[in-house]
Every structure is written in structure tokens, then in C-alpha cells.
Amino acid sequence: MHLVTFLYAAAVARLSELRREPERGDSPVPTAVIIAGLVVAGAAVTAIVLTKATTWMNSIKNP
């Protein structure tokens, strides 16, 4: 009987604690959108640098 009482008291305490904290942080969706945006921006910068480096290397004349 003591175990049932303990579990009931623990459940009631946890539920009341959850009700007191309405703010539980941000959703993971905005974080995923930010990460995806950073990946796209990084890929774009890499592509631009690769293009400029290739153009520069091709402009060098061989002796």
C-alpha cells in the first residue's frame, strides 16, 4: 500500500510541476530551419569561392 501511495504522490507532484511551467523552450523546428539556412549559405559560399578560384587558375598562362 505504501508503494501505491508513493507513486500517487509522485505523479500528483510531477503533474502540478508541469502545470506551473508553461514555457518549456522553443520548438525544434526554428532551430532546424536556421541550421538548414546555414548549410545552404555555406554551400553557396563554397560554390562562389570554387568558381572564382577556378577562373583565376585558368587565367594563369603556362610558360
N, C-alpha and C. Protein backbone atom coordinates (compact mmCIF):
# COMPACT_ATOMS: atom_id res chain seq x y z
N MET A 1 0.82 -1.20 0.00
CA MET A 1 0.00 0.00 0.00
C MET A 1 0.86 1.25 0.00
N HIS A 2 2.01 1.18 0.64
CA HIS A 2 2.87 2.36 0.68
C HIS A 2 3.40 2.71 -0.71
N LEU A 3 3.66 1.70 -1.52
CA LEU A 3 4.16 1.95 -2.87
C LEU A 3 3.12 2.68 -3.71
N VAL A 4 1.87 2.29 -3.60
CA VAL A 4 0.80 2.93 -4.36
C VAL A 4 0.66 4.39 -3.92
N THR A 5 0.72 4.63 -2.62
CA THR A 5 0.63 5.99 -2.10
C THR A 5 1.81 6.83 -2.58
N PHE A 6 3.00 6.26 -2.56
CA PHE A 6 4.19 6.97 -3.02
C PHE A 6 4.06 7.32 -4.50
N LEU A 7 3.65 6.36 -5.33
CA LEU A 7 3.51 6.60 -6.77
C LEU A 7 2.44 7.66 -7.05
N TYR A 8 1.34 7.60 -6.30
CA TYR A 8 0.29 8.60 -6.47
C TYR A 8 0.81 10.00 -6.11
N ALA A 9 1.50 10.12 -5.01
CA ALA A 9 2.04 11.41 -4.58
C ALA A 9 3.08 11.93 -5.57
N ALA A 10 3.91 11.04 -6.09
CA ALA A 10 4.92 11.46 -7.07
C ALA A 10 4.26 11.93 -8.36
N ALA A 11 3.22 11.22 -8.80
CA ALA A 11 2.53 11.61 -10.03
C ALA A 11 1.83 12.95 -9.86
N VAL A 12 1.18 13.15 -8.73
CA VAL A 12 0.49 14.42 -8.48
C VAL A 12 1.50 15.57 -8.40
N ALA A 13 2.62 15.34 -7.76
CA ALA A 13 3.64 16.39 -7.65
C ALA A 13 4.21 16.74 -9.03
N ARG A 14 4.46 15.72 -9.83
CA ARG A 14 5.02 15.98 -11.17
C ARG A 14 4.01 16.71 -12.06
N LEU A 15 2.75 16.32 -12.00
CA LEU A 15 1.73 16.99 -12.80
C LEU A 15 1.55 18.45 -12.38
N SER A 16 1.60 18.71 -11.09
CA SER A 16 1.47 20.10 -10.64
C SER A 16 2.69 20.91 -11.05
N GLU A 17 3.85 20.28 -11.06
CA GLU A 17 5.07 20.96 -11.51
C GLU A 17 4.99 21.29 -13.00
N LEU A 18 4.46 20.37 -13.79
CA LEU A 18 4.32 20.62 -15.22
C LEU A 18 3.32 21.72 -15.51
N ARG A 19 2.30 21.83 -14.71
CA ARG A 19 1.30 22.88 -14.91
C ARG A 19 1.86 24.25 -14.56
N ARG A 20 2.81 24.32 -13.64
CA ARG A 20 3.38 25.60 -13.22
C ARG A 20 4.34 26.17 -14.24
N GLU A 21 4.92 25.35 -15.11
CA GLU A 21 5.92 25.80 -16.08
C GLU A 21 5.35 25.76 -17.49
N PRO A 22 4.61 26.82 -17.89
CA PRO A 22 4.02 26.78 -19.23
C PRO A 22 5.07 26.93 -20.34
N GLU A 23 6.17 27.59 -20.06
CA GLU A 23 7.22 27.81 -21.07
C GLU A 23 8.25 26.70 -20.94
N ARG A 24 8.33 25.86 -21.96
CA ARG A 24 9.27 24.74 -21.92
C ARG A 24 10.29 24.84 -23.04
N GLY A 25 10.52 26.04 -23.57
CA GLY A 25 11.54 26.22 -24.59
C GLY A 25 10.94 26.29 -25.99
N ASP A 26 11.81 26.53 -26.92
CA ASP A 26 11.39 26.65 -28.32
C ASP A 26 11.15 25.29 -28.94
N SER A 27 10.38 25.34 -29.99
CA SER A 27 10.16 24.14 -30.78
C SER A 27 11.43 23.84 -31.57
N PRO A 28 11.71 22.60 -31.88
CA PRO A 28 12.92 22.29 -32.64
C PRO A 28 12.85 22.73 -34.11
N VAL A 29 11.66 23.11 -34.59
CA VAL A 29 11.51 23.48 -36.00
C VAL A 29 12.31 24.74 -36.33
N PRO A 30 12.22 25.84 -35.57
CA PRO A 30 13.02 27.02 -35.92
C PRO A 30 14.53 26.73 -35.92
N THR A 31 14.97 25.90 -35.00
CA THR A 31 16.38 25.54 -34.97
C THR A 31 16.77 24.78 -36.22
N ALA A 32 15.93 23.87 -36.66
CA ALA A 32 16.21 23.11 -37.88
C ALA A 32 16.23 24.02 -39.10
N VAL A 33 15.34 25.00 -39.12
CA VAL A 33 15.30 25.95 -40.25
C VAL A 33 16.57 26.79 -40.27
N ILE A 34 17.03 27.22 -39.12
CA ILE A 34 18.26 28.01 -39.05
C ILE A 34 19.45 27.17 -39.52
N ILE A 35 19.53 25.93 -39.07
CA ILE A 35 20.64 25.06 -39.48
C ILE A 35 20.61 24.83 -40.98
N ALA A 36 19.42 24.58 -41.53
CA ALA A 36 19.30 24.37 -42.97
C ALA A 36 19.72 25.61 -43.74
N GLY A 37 19.36 26.78 -43.24
CA GLY A 37 19.76 28.03 -43.88
C GLY A 37 21.27 28.22 -43.85
N LEU A 38 21.89 27.88 -42.74
CA LEU A 38 23.35 27.98 -42.65
C LEU A 38 24.04 27.02 -43.60
N VAL A 39 23.48 25.82 -43.76
CA VAL A 39 24.06 24.85 -44.69
C VAL A 39 23.96 25.37 -46.12
N VAL A 40 22.81 25.91 -46.49
CA VAL A 40 22.64 26.46 -47.84
C VAL A 40 23.59 27.63 -48.07
N ALA A 41 23.71 28.50 -47.09
CA ALA A 41 24.62 29.65 -47.22
C ALA A 41 26.07 29.18 -47.35
N GLY A 42 26.45 28.19 -46.57
CA GLY A 42 27.81 27.65 -46.66
C GLY A 42 28.08 27.01 -48.01
N ALA A 43 27.10 26.29 -48.55
CA ALA A 43 27.26 25.69 -49.87
C ALA A 43 27.38 26.75 -50.94
N ALA A 44 26.62 27.83 -50.82
CA ALA A 44 26.70 28.92 -51.79
C ALA A 44 28.06 29.60 -51.75
N VAL A 45 28.57 29.87 -50.57
CA VAL A 45 29.89 30.49 -50.43
C VAL A 45 30.96 29.58 -51.00
N THR A 46 30.86 28.28 -50.72
CA THR A 46 31.83 27.33 -51.25
C THR A 46 31.80 27.31 -52.78
N ALA A 47 30.61 27.33 -53.36
CA ALA A 47 30.48 27.32 -54.82
C ALA A 47 31.07 28.60 -55.43
N ILE A 48 30.82 29.73 -54.81
CA ILE A 48 31.36 31.00 -55.32
C ILE A 48 32.88 30.99 -55.25
N VAL A 49 33.43 30.56 -54.13
CA VAL A 49 34.89 30.52 -53.98
C VAL A 49 35.50 29.55 -54.99
N LEU A 50 34.88 28.40 -55.19
CA LEU A 50 35.39 27.42 -56.15
C LEU A 50 35.37 27.98 -57.56
N THR A 51 34.30 28.66 -57.93
CA THR A 51 34.22 29.27 -59.25
C THR A 51 35.29 30.33 -59.45
N LYS A 52 35.45 31.20 -58.48
CA LYS A 52 36.46 32.26 -58.60
C LYS A 52 37.88 31.68 -58.64
N ALA A 53 38.14 30.67 -57.83
CA ALA A 53 39.47 30.05 -57.83
C ALA A 53 39.75 29.35 -59.15
N THR A 54 38.76 28.68 -59.71
CA THR A 54 38.94 28.01 -60.99
C THR A 54 39.19 29.03 -62.10
N THR A 55 38.45 30.10 -62.10
CA THR A 55 38.64 31.17 -63.10
C THR A 55 40.03 31.77 -62.97
N TRP A 56 40.46 32.02 -61.76
CA TRP A 56 41.77 32.61 -61.53
C TRP A 56 42.88 31.66 -61.98
N MET A 57 42.74 30.38 -61.65
CA MET A 57 43.75 29.40 -62.06
C MET A 57 43.79 29.23 -63.58
N ASN A 58 42.66 29.30 -64.22
CA ASN A 58 42.62 29.16 -65.69
C ASN A 58 43.20 30.40 -66.39
N SER A 59 43.18 31.54 -65.69
CA SER A 59 43.70 32.75 -66.32
C SER A 59 45.23 32.83 -66.28
N ILE A 60 45.88 31.99 -65.49
CA ILE A 60 47.33 31.97 -65.40
C ILE A 60 47.87 31.26 -66.65
N LYS A 61 48.80 31.92 -67.32
CA LYS A 61 49.36 31.36 -68.56
C LYS A 61 50.51 30.41 -68.25
N ASN A 62 50.54 29.32 -68.98
CA ASN A 62 51.65 28.39 -68.83
C ASN A 62 52.86 28.90 -69.62
N PRO A 63 54.07 28.71 -69.14
CA PRO A 63 55.26 29.22 -69.86
C PRO A 63 55.58 28.44 -71.11
